[in-house]
Amino acid sequence: MKINKQYVAGLLGLMMTSTLAFGQMGVKEIIISSGGSWESGCGNTCMDYVTMSSYNTATGVNTVFDEIKTQSTNDVIVDDANEFAYVAASDSIVKYDLSDYSRVSAIAASSMQRMAIFGTSLLVTNGNYNGDPFVTSYNTSDLSFDAGISGITGAAK
């Protein structure tokens, strides 16, 4: 995989799941969202897509478990229970079940920057004005639209 250095930020979209053992916090797994290289204007002919993988810190093994047919990634987060991961790719949000790495749901969304979980809401910031609110809330269970948050008048991270 070739990496365009100006898009390294996409490669750095990763989140760690952890475990508490014998009173010490330790990282057992790292969920990695890797954005590939940017190919401007390639439409459906792009060759390098977002890959999702799990790095096991005990064994040192990295396992690719999915490919998202888009070129960049901005964020990946894991819920507090370490059950689900949410990925902000360039044109979609994808939810994964971490027990078997299956894709649970996906929705179309654009210009996403960062995500946060608050209760049962997935809050997503928007970095470019595209007609959508700069902060949007989705339901964490099925990624259905909850609300656009008004009053924010510029790009948000």
N, C-alpha and C. Protein backbone atom coordinates (compact mmCIF):
# COMPACT_ATOMS: atom_id res chain seq x y z
N MET A 1 0.85 -1.18 0.00
CA MET A 1 0.00 0.00 0.00
C MET A 1 0.89 1.23 0.00
N LYS A 2 0.63 2.14 -0.93
CA LYS A 2 1.38 3.39 -0.95
C LYS A 2 0.66 4.41 -0.09
N ILE A 3 1.41 5.27 0.57
CA ILE A 3 0.83 6.27 1.46
C ILE A 3 1.26 7.65 1.00
N ASN A 4 0.30 8.48 0.73
CA ASN A 4 0.56 9.86 0.37
C ASN A 4 0.74 10.63 1.68
N LYS A 5 1.90 11.23 1.91
CA LYS A 5 2.23 11.84 3.20
C LYS A 5 1.27 12.94 3.62
N GLN A 6 0.67 13.65 2.66
CA GLN A 6 -0.24 14.71 3.06
C GLN A 6 -1.55 14.16 3.62
N TYR A 7 -1.80 12.87 3.47
CA TYR A 7 -3.02 12.26 4.00
C TYR A 7 -2.72 11.27 5.12
N VAL A 8 -1.58 11.40 5.75
CA VAL A 8 -1.21 10.53 6.85
C VAL A 8 -2.19 10.62 8.01
N ALA A 9 -2.87 11.75 8.16
CA ALA A 9 -3.84 11.90 9.25
C ALA A 9 -4.88 10.80 9.20
N GLY A 10 -5.28 10.37 8.02
CA GLY A 10 -6.26 9.29 7.90
C GLY A 10 -5.72 7.99 8.45
N LEU A 11 -4.45 7.75 8.24
CA LEU A 11 -3.82 6.54 8.74
C LEU A 11 -3.80 6.52 10.26
N LEU A 12 -3.76 7.71 10.87
CA LEU A 12 -3.66 7.78 12.31
C LEU A 12 -5.00 7.67 13.02
N GLY A 13 -6.07 7.42 12.27
CA GLY A 13 -7.37 7.26 12.91
C GLY A 13 -7.44 5.88 13.54
N LEU A 14 -7.09 5.76 14.79
CA LEU A 14 -7.11 4.46 15.45
C LEU A 14 -7.63 4.60 16.87
N MET A 15 -8.11 3.51 17.41
CA MET A 15 -8.65 3.51 18.76
C MET A 15 -8.24 2.20 19.43
N MET A 16 -7.96 2.28 20.70
CA MET A 16 -7.52 1.11 21.44
C MET A 16 -8.63 0.59 22.34
N THR A 17 -8.76 -0.73 22.40
CA THR A 17 -9.63 -1.34 23.39
C THR A 17 -8.73 -1.84 24.51
N SER A 18 -9.22 -1.84 25.71
CA SER A 18 -8.36 -2.19 26.84
C SER A 18 -9.04 -3.17 27.77
N THR A 19 -8.25 -3.73 28.66
CA THR A 19 -8.75 -4.67 29.65
C THR A 19 -8.11 -4.37 30.99
N LEU A 20 -8.81 -4.65 32.06
CA LEU A 20 -8.29 -4.45 33.40
C LEU A 20 -7.92 -5.82 33.96
N ALA A 21 -6.63 -6.03 34.20
CA ALA A 21 -6.17 -7.32 34.69
C ALA A 21 -5.25 -7.11 35.88
N PHE A 22 -5.58 -7.74 36.99
CA PHE A 22 -4.76 -7.68 38.20
C PHE A 22 -4.49 -6.25 38.64
N GLY A 23 -5.50 -5.38 38.47
CA GLY A 23 -5.39 -4.00 38.93
C GLY A 23 -4.60 -3.08 38.02
N GLN A 24 -4.15 -3.59 36.86
CA GLN A 24 -3.39 -2.76 35.94
C GLN A 24 -4.15 -2.66 34.62
N MET A 25 -4.14 -1.48 34.05
CA MET A 25 -4.76 -1.28 32.76
C MET A 25 -3.78 -1.68 31.68
N GLY A 26 -4.25 -2.45 30.72
CA GLY A 26 -3.39 -2.85 29.62
C GLY A 26 -4.15 -2.84 28.32
N VAL A 27 -3.49 -2.55 27.23
CA VAL A 27 -4.11 -2.54 25.92
C VAL A 27 -3.99 -3.92 25.32
N LYS A 28 -5.13 -4.52 24.97
CA LYS A 28 -5.09 -5.85 24.37
C LYS A 28 -5.28 -5.83 22.87
N GLU A 29 -5.88 -4.75 22.36
CA GLU A 29 -6.20 -4.69 20.95
C GLU A 29 -6.23 -3.23 20.48
N ILE A 30 -5.77 -3.01 19.27
CA ILE A 30 -5.84 -1.69 18.66
C ILE A 30 -6.64 -1.83 17.38
N ILE A 31 -7.70 -1.04 17.25
CA ILE A 31 -8.51 -1.02 16.03
C ILE A 31 -7.95 0.08 15.14
N ILE A 32 -7.58 -0.29 13.91
CA ILE A 32 -6.92 0.64 13.00
C ILE A 32 -7.78 0.86 11.76
N SER A 33 -7.97 2.12 11.45
CA SER A 33 -8.65 2.53 10.23
C SER A 33 -7.61 3.20 9.35
N SER A 34 -7.20 2.54 8.26
CA SER A 34 -6.13 3.03 7.41
C SER A 34 -6.71 3.55 6.10
N GLY A 35 -6.37 4.80 5.76
CA GLY A 35 -7.01 5.48 4.66
C GLY A 35 -6.45 5.30 3.27
N GLY A 36 -5.41 4.55 3.06
CA GLY A 36 -4.91 4.38 1.71
C GLY A 36 -4.42 5.69 1.11
N SER A 37 -4.24 5.70 -0.20
CA SER A 37 -3.76 6.91 -0.86
C SER A 37 -4.91 7.61 -1.58
N TRP A 38 -4.86 8.92 -1.62
CA TRP A 38 -5.91 9.73 -2.25
C TRP A 38 -5.70 9.74 -3.75
N GLU A 39 -6.75 9.43 -4.49
CA GLU A 39 -6.71 9.45 -5.94
C GLU A 39 -7.83 10.37 -6.41
N SER A 40 -7.52 11.60 -6.67
CA SER A 40 -8.52 12.60 -7.03
C SER A 40 -9.25 12.24 -8.31
N GLY A 41 -10.59 12.28 -8.24
CA GLY A 41 -11.42 12.11 -9.42
C GLY A 41 -11.47 10.71 -9.99
N CYS A 42 -11.13 9.70 -9.23
CA CYS A 42 -11.11 8.35 -9.79
C CYS A 42 -12.47 7.66 -9.73
N GLY A 43 -13.45 8.26 -9.01
CA GLY A 43 -14.79 7.66 -8.95
C GLY A 43 -14.76 6.23 -8.46
N ASN A 44 -15.36 5.33 -9.22
CA ASN A 44 -15.42 3.91 -8.84
C ASN A 44 -14.20 3.12 -9.30
N THR A 45 -13.20 3.80 -9.86
CA THR A 45 -12.02 3.10 -10.35
C THR A 45 -10.84 3.18 -9.38
N CYS A 46 -11.06 3.69 -8.19
CA CYS A 46 -9.98 3.80 -7.19
C CYS A 46 -9.42 2.43 -6.87
N MET A 47 -8.16 2.39 -6.57
CA MET A 47 -7.50 1.11 -6.31
C MET A 47 -7.11 0.91 -4.85
N ASP A 48 -7.13 1.95 -4.05
CA ASP A 48 -6.62 1.86 -2.69
C ASP A 48 -7.69 2.37 -1.72
N TYR A 49 -8.36 1.48 -1.02
CA TYR A 49 -9.49 1.83 -0.17
C TYR A 49 -9.12 1.82 1.32
N VAL A 50 -10.06 2.24 2.15
CA VAL A 50 -9.89 2.21 3.60
C VAL A 50 -9.93 0.74 4.05
N THR A 51 -8.96 0.36 4.86
CA THR A 51 -8.98 -0.98 5.44
C THR A 51 -9.16 -0.87 6.95
N MET A 52 -9.88 -1.82 7.49
CA MET A 52 -10.09 -1.93 8.93
C MET A 52 -9.34 -3.14 9.42
N SER A 53 -8.60 -2.96 10.51
CA SER A 53 -7.85 -4.10 11.04
C SER A 53 -7.80 -4.05 12.56
N SER A 54 -7.44 -5.19 13.13
CA SER A 54 -7.29 -5.35 14.57
C SER A 54 -5.87 -5.82 14.84
N TYR A 55 -5.16 -5.05 15.67
CA TYR A 55 -3.80 -5.42 16.05
C TYR A 55 -3.83 -5.98 17.46
N ASN A 56 -3.44 -7.24 17.63
CA ASN A 56 -3.40 -7.90 18.92
C ASN A 56 -2.04 -7.62 19.56
N THR A 57 -2.03 -6.89 20.67
CA THR A 57 -0.77 -6.49 21.29
C THR A 57 -0.02 -7.66 21.92
N ALA A 58 -0.72 -8.71 22.29
CA ALA A 58 -0.06 -9.86 22.91
C ALA A 58 0.69 -10.70 21.87
N THR A 59 0.09 -10.88 20.69
CA THR A 59 0.69 -11.73 19.67
C THR A 59 1.45 -10.96 18.59
N GLY A 60 1.17 -9.65 18.49
CA GLY A 60 1.78 -8.85 17.45
C GLY A 60 1.18 -9.08 16.07
N VAL A 61 0.02 -9.72 16.02
CA VAL A 61 -0.62 -10.03 14.74
C VAL A 61 -1.65 -8.95 14.39
N ASN A 62 -1.56 -8.44 13.17
CA ASN A 62 -2.53 -7.48 12.64
C ASN A 62 -3.42 -8.21 11.65
N THR A 63 -4.75 -8.17 11.87
CA THR A 63 -5.70 -8.88 11.03
C THR A 63 -6.65 -7.88 10.37
N VAL A 64 -6.63 -7.84 9.05
CA VAL A 64 -7.57 -6.99 8.30
C VAL A 64 -8.92 -7.69 8.31
N PHE A 65 -9.98 -6.94 8.72
CA PHE A 65 -11.31 -7.56 8.77
C PHE A 65 -12.34 -6.91 7.86
N ASP A 66 -12.03 -5.78 7.24
CA ASP A 66 -12.99 -5.20 6.31
C ASP A 66 -12.31 -4.16 5.44
N GLU A 67 -12.97 -3.85 4.33
CA GLU A 67 -12.55 -2.79 3.44
C GLU A 67 -13.75 -1.90 3.19
N ILE A 68 -13.57 -0.60 3.35
CA ILE A 68 -14.63 0.37 3.08
C ILE A 68 -14.30 1.00 1.74
N LYS A 69 -15.19 0.92 0.78
CA LYS A 69 -14.93 1.35 -0.58
C LYS A 69 -14.94 2.87 -0.71
N THR A 70 -14.03 3.51 0.00
CA THR A 70 -13.80 4.94 -0.10
C THR A 70 -12.33 5.18 0.19
N GLN A 71 -11.84 6.41 0.00
CA GLN A 71 -10.40 6.65 0.03
C GLN A 71 -9.82 7.22 1.29
N SER A 72 -10.62 7.71 2.20
CA SER A 72 -10.01 8.33 3.37
C SER A 72 -10.80 8.02 4.63
N THR A 73 -10.14 8.21 5.74
CA THR A 73 -10.76 7.99 7.04
C THR A 73 -10.33 9.12 7.96
N ASN A 74 -11.26 9.59 8.78
CA ASN A 74 -10.95 10.70 9.68
C ASN A 74 -10.96 10.31 11.14
N ASP A 75 -11.74 9.31 11.51
CA ASP A 75 -11.84 8.98 12.93
C ASP A 75 -12.36 7.56 13.10
N VAL A 76 -11.99 6.93 14.18
CA VAL A 76 -12.56 5.66 14.61
C VAL A 76 -12.61 5.71 16.13
N ILE A 77 -13.75 5.32 16.69
CA ILE A 77 -13.89 5.29 18.14
C ILE A 77 -14.51 3.97 18.56
N VAL A 78 -14.23 3.58 19.80
CA VAL A 78 -14.79 2.36 20.39
C VAL A 78 -15.63 2.79 21.58
N ASP A 79 -16.80 2.16 21.73
CA ASP A 79 -17.67 2.52 22.86
C ASP A 79 -17.05 2.09 24.19
N ASP A 80 -17.61 2.59 25.29
CA ASP A 80 -17.05 2.33 26.63
C ASP A 80 -17.02 0.85 27.00
N ALA A 81 -17.94 0.06 26.45
CA ALA A 81 -17.99 -1.36 26.77
C ALA A 81 -17.09 -2.20 25.87
N ASN A 82 -16.37 -1.54 24.94
CA ASN A 82 -15.51 -2.23 23.98
C ASN A 82 -16.27 -3.24 23.13
N GLU A 83 -17.55 -2.94 22.85
CA GLU A 83 -18.38 -3.84 22.04
C GLU A 83 -18.46 -3.43 20.58
N PHE A 84 -18.44 -2.11 20.32
CA PHE A 84 -18.64 -1.62 18.96
C PHE A 84 -17.61 -0.55 18.62
N ALA A 85 -17.23 -0.53 17.35
CA ALA A 85 -16.37 0.51 16.81
C ALA A 85 -17.15 1.27 15.75
N TYR A 86 -16.92 2.59 15.69
CA TYR A 86 -17.57 3.46 14.71
C TYR A 86 -16.47 4.14 13.91
N VAL A 87 -16.61 4.13 12.57
CA VAL A 87 -15.60 4.68 11.69
C VAL A 87 -16.20 5.80 10.85
N ALA A 88 -15.54 6.95 10.81
CA ALA A 88 -15.91 8.05 9.91
C ALA A 88 -15.00 7.96 8.70
N ALA A 89 -15.54 7.41 7.61
CA ALA A 89 -14.81 7.36 6.34
C ALA A 89 -15.24 8.58 5.53
N SER A 90 -14.66 8.79 4.38
CA SER A 90 -14.92 10.05 3.67
C SER A 90 -16.38 10.28 3.30
N ASP A 91 -17.13 9.23 3.03
CA ASP A 91 -18.52 9.42 2.61
C ASP A 91 -19.50 8.56 3.41
N SER A 92 -19.07 8.02 4.54
CA SER A 92 -19.94 7.13 5.29
C SER A 92 -19.49 6.99 6.74
N ILE A 93 -20.44 6.51 7.56
CA ILE A 93 -20.13 6.10 8.92
C ILE A 93 -20.45 4.62 8.98
N VAL A 94 -19.53 3.83 9.50
CA VAL A 94 -19.71 2.38 9.56
C VAL A 94 -19.57 1.93 11.01
N LYS A 95 -20.47 1.04 11.44
CA LYS A 95 -20.44 0.48 12.80
C LYS A 95 -20.05 -1.00 12.71
N TYR A 96 -19.12 -1.41 13.59
CA TYR A 96 -18.65 -2.80 13.64
C TYR A 96 -18.91 -3.41 15.01
N ASP A 97 -19.27 -4.69 15.02
CA ASP A 97 -19.37 -5.48 16.24
C ASP A 97 -17.98 -6.06 16.50
N LEU A 98 -17.35 -5.70 17.61
CA LEU A 98 -15.98 -6.13 17.87
C LEU A 98 -15.87 -7.57 18.35
N SER A 99 -17.00 -8.23 18.65
CA SER A 99 -16.92 -9.64 19.06
C SER A 99 -16.57 -10.54 17.87
N ASP A 100 -17.01 -10.15 16.66
CA ASP A 100 -16.70 -10.93 15.47
C ASP A 100 -16.26 -10.08 14.28
N TYR A 101 -16.09 -8.78 14.50
CA TYR A 101 -15.64 -7.82 13.49
C TYR A 101 -16.60 -7.69 12.31
N SER A 102 -17.85 -8.02 12.54
CA SER A 102 -18.84 -7.89 11.47
C SER A 102 -19.33 -6.46 11.35
N ARG A 103 -19.70 -6.09 10.15
CA ARG A 103 -20.26 -4.77 9.88
C ARG A 103 -21.73 -4.81 10.30
N VAL A 104 -22.10 -3.95 11.24
CA VAL A 104 -23.46 -3.92 11.78
C VAL A 104 -24.34 -3.01 10.94
N SER A 105 -23.86 -1.83 10.63
CA SER A 105 -24.62 -0.89 9.81
C SER A 105 -23.69 0.15 9.21
N ALA A 106 -24.22 0.83 8.20
CA ALA A 106 -23.46 1.90 7.54
C ALA A 106 -24.46 2.91 6.98
N ILE A 107 -24.07 4.18 7.03
CA ILE A 107 -24.90 5.24 6.48
C ILE A 107 -24.04 6.18 5.65
N ALA A 108 -24.68 6.88 4.72
CA ALA A 108 -23.99 7.90 3.95
C ALA A 108 -23.86 9.16 4.78
N ALA A 109 -22.70 9.75 4.78
CA ALA A 109 -22.43 11.01 5.49
C ALA A 109 -21.17 11.59 4.86
N SER A 110 -21.02 12.92 4.88
CA SER A 110 -19.83 13.49 4.26
C SER A 110 -19.23 14.59 5.12
N SER A 111 -17.99 14.90 4.84
CA SER A 111 -17.23 15.97 5.50
C SER A 111 -17.06 15.77 6.99
N MET A 112 -17.09 14.53 7.45
CA MET A 112 -16.96 14.26 8.88
C MET A 112 -15.54 14.50 9.35
N GLN A 113 -15.41 14.97 10.58
CA GLN A 113 -14.10 15.21 11.17
C GLN A 113 -13.86 14.28 12.37
N ARG A 114 -14.62 14.46 13.43
CA ARG A 114 -14.41 13.68 14.65
C ARG A 114 -15.76 13.18 15.17
N MET A 115 -15.68 12.15 16.04
CA MET A 115 -16.88 11.57 16.63
C MET A 115 -16.71 11.45 18.14
N ALA A 116 -17.84 11.43 18.83
CA ALA A 116 -17.86 11.19 20.27
C ALA A 116 -19.17 10.49 20.59
N ILE A 117 -19.14 9.67 21.63
CA ILE A 117 -20.36 9.00 22.08
C ILE A 117 -20.81 9.67 23.36
N PHE A 118 -22.09 10.04 23.39
CA PHE A 118 -22.70 10.64 24.57
C PHE A 118 -24.02 9.92 24.80
N GLY A 119 -24.05 9.04 25.81
CA GLY A 119 -25.24 8.23 26.05
C GLY A 119 -25.49 7.31 24.87
N THR A 120 -26.67 7.45 24.25
CA THR A 120 -27.01 6.64 23.07
C THR A 120 -26.84 7.43 21.78
N SER A 121 -26.12 8.53 21.84
CA SER A 121 -25.91 9.37 20.66
C SER A 121 -24.47 9.33 20.18
N LEU A 122 -24.32 9.24 18.88
CA LEU A 122 -23.01 9.37 18.24
C LEU A 122 -22.97 10.78 17.67
N LEU A 123 -22.14 11.63 18.26
CA LEU A 123 -22.01 13.02 17.81
C LEU A 123 -20.91 13.09 16.77
N VAL A 124 -21.21 13.71 15.63
CA VAL A 124 -20.27 13.76 14.51
C VAL A 124 -20.10 15.21 14.09
N THR A 125 -18.85 15.66 14.00
CA THR A 125 -18.59 17.02 13.55
C THR A 125 -18.36 17.05 12.05
N ASN A 126 -18.65 18.19 11.46
CA ASN A 126 -18.55 18.39 10.02
C ASN A 126 -17.52 19.49 9.78
N GLY A 127 -16.57 19.24 8.89
CA GLY A 127 -15.50 20.19 8.66
C GLY A 127 -15.72 21.14 7.51
N ASN A 128 -16.69 20.86 6.65
CA ASN A 128 -16.95 21.71 5.50
C ASN A 128 -18.45 21.93 5.38
N TYR A 129 -18.82 23.13 5.00
CA TYR A 129 -20.25 23.36 4.84
C TYR A 129 -20.72 22.69 3.56
N ASN A 130 -21.63 21.75 3.70
CA ASN A 130 -22.21 21.05 2.56
C ASN A 130 -23.74 21.04 2.65
N GLY A 131 -24.29 21.95 3.43
CA GLY A 131 -25.73 22.01 3.62
C GLY A 131 -26.18 21.31 4.89
N ASP A 132 -25.32 20.45 5.44
CA ASP A 132 -25.64 19.75 6.68
C ASP A 132 -25.18 20.58 7.87
N PRO A 133 -25.75 20.33 9.05
CA PRO A 133 -25.28 21.04 10.25
C PRO A 133 -23.81 20.68 10.53
N PHE A 134 -23.12 21.55 11.26
CA PHE A 134 -21.72 21.30 11.59
C PHE A 134 -21.54 20.26 12.69
N VAL A 135 -22.60 19.96 13.43
CA VAL A 135 -22.60 18.85 14.39
C VAL A 135 -23.92 18.11 14.23
N THR A 136 -23.83 16.80 14.07
CA THR A 136 -25.00 15.96 13.86
C THR A 136 -24.98 14.83 14.88
N SER A 137 -26.17 14.42 15.30
CA SER A 137 -26.31 13.32 16.26
C SER A 137 -27.02 12.14 15.58
N TYR A 138 -26.43 10.95 15.76
CA TYR A 138 -27.02 9.71 15.25
C TYR A 138 -27.22 8.76 16.41
N ASN A 139 -28.21 7.87 16.30
CA ASN A 139 -28.45 6.86 17.33
C ASN A 139 -27.36 5.79 17.22
N THR A 140 -26.72 5.45 18.34
CA THR A 140 -25.62 4.48 18.31
C THR A 140 -26.09 3.07 17.95
N SER A 141 -27.35 2.73 18.18
CA SER A 141 -27.80 1.36 17.92
C SER A 141 -27.90 1.05 16.43
N ASP A 142 -28.44 1.98 15.64
CA ASP A 142 -28.63 1.69 14.22
C ASP A 142 -28.16 2.81 13.29
N LEU A 143 -27.52 3.81 13.83
CA LEU A 143 -27.01 4.97 13.10
C LEU A 143 -28.10 5.81 12.45
N SER A 144 -29.32 5.69 12.96
CA SER A 144 -30.39 6.53 12.44
C SER A 144 -30.17 7.97 12.89
N PHE A 145 -30.61 8.92 12.07
CA PHE A 145 -30.44 10.34 12.34
C PHE A 145 -31.25 10.73 13.57
N ASP A 146 -30.60 11.41 14.53
CA ASP A 146 -31.29 11.94 15.71
C ASP A 146 -31.60 13.41 15.48
N ALA A 147 -30.58 14.21 15.24
CA ALA A 147 -30.78 15.65 15.12
C ALA A 147 -29.54 16.33 14.57
N GLY A 148 -29.78 17.45 13.90
CA GLY A 148 -28.71 18.35 13.55
C GLY A 148 -28.66 19.40 14.65
N ILE A 149 -27.49 19.69 15.14
CA ILE A 149 -27.35 20.62 16.26
C ILE A 149 -27.12 22.02 15.69
N SER A 150 -28.07 22.92 15.95
CA SER A 150 -28.01 24.26 15.37
C SER A 150 -27.18 25.19 16.27
N GLY A 151 -26.86 26.35 15.74
CA GLY A 151 -26.14 27.35 16.50
C GLY A 151 -24.63 27.30 16.32
N ILE A 152 -24.13 26.30 15.64
CA ILE A 152 -22.70 26.21 15.35
C ILE A 152 -22.54 26.68 13.91
N THR A 153 -21.83 27.77 13.73
CA THR A 153 -21.82 28.44 12.43
C THR A 153 -20.57 28.22 11.59
N GLY A 154 -19.70 27.33 12.03
CA GLY A 154 -18.49 27.06 11.27
C GLY A 154 -18.02 25.64 11.45
N ALA A 155 -17.01 25.27 10.68
CA ALA A 155 -16.46 23.91 10.73
C ALA A 155 -16.12 23.52 12.18
N ALA A 156 -16.37 22.28 12.50
CA ALA A 156 -16.16 21.80 13.88
C ALA A 156 -15.26 20.57 13.87
N LYS A 157 -14.45 20.46 14.93
CA LYS A 157 -13.64 19.26 15.14
C LYS A 157 -13.81 18.81 16.57
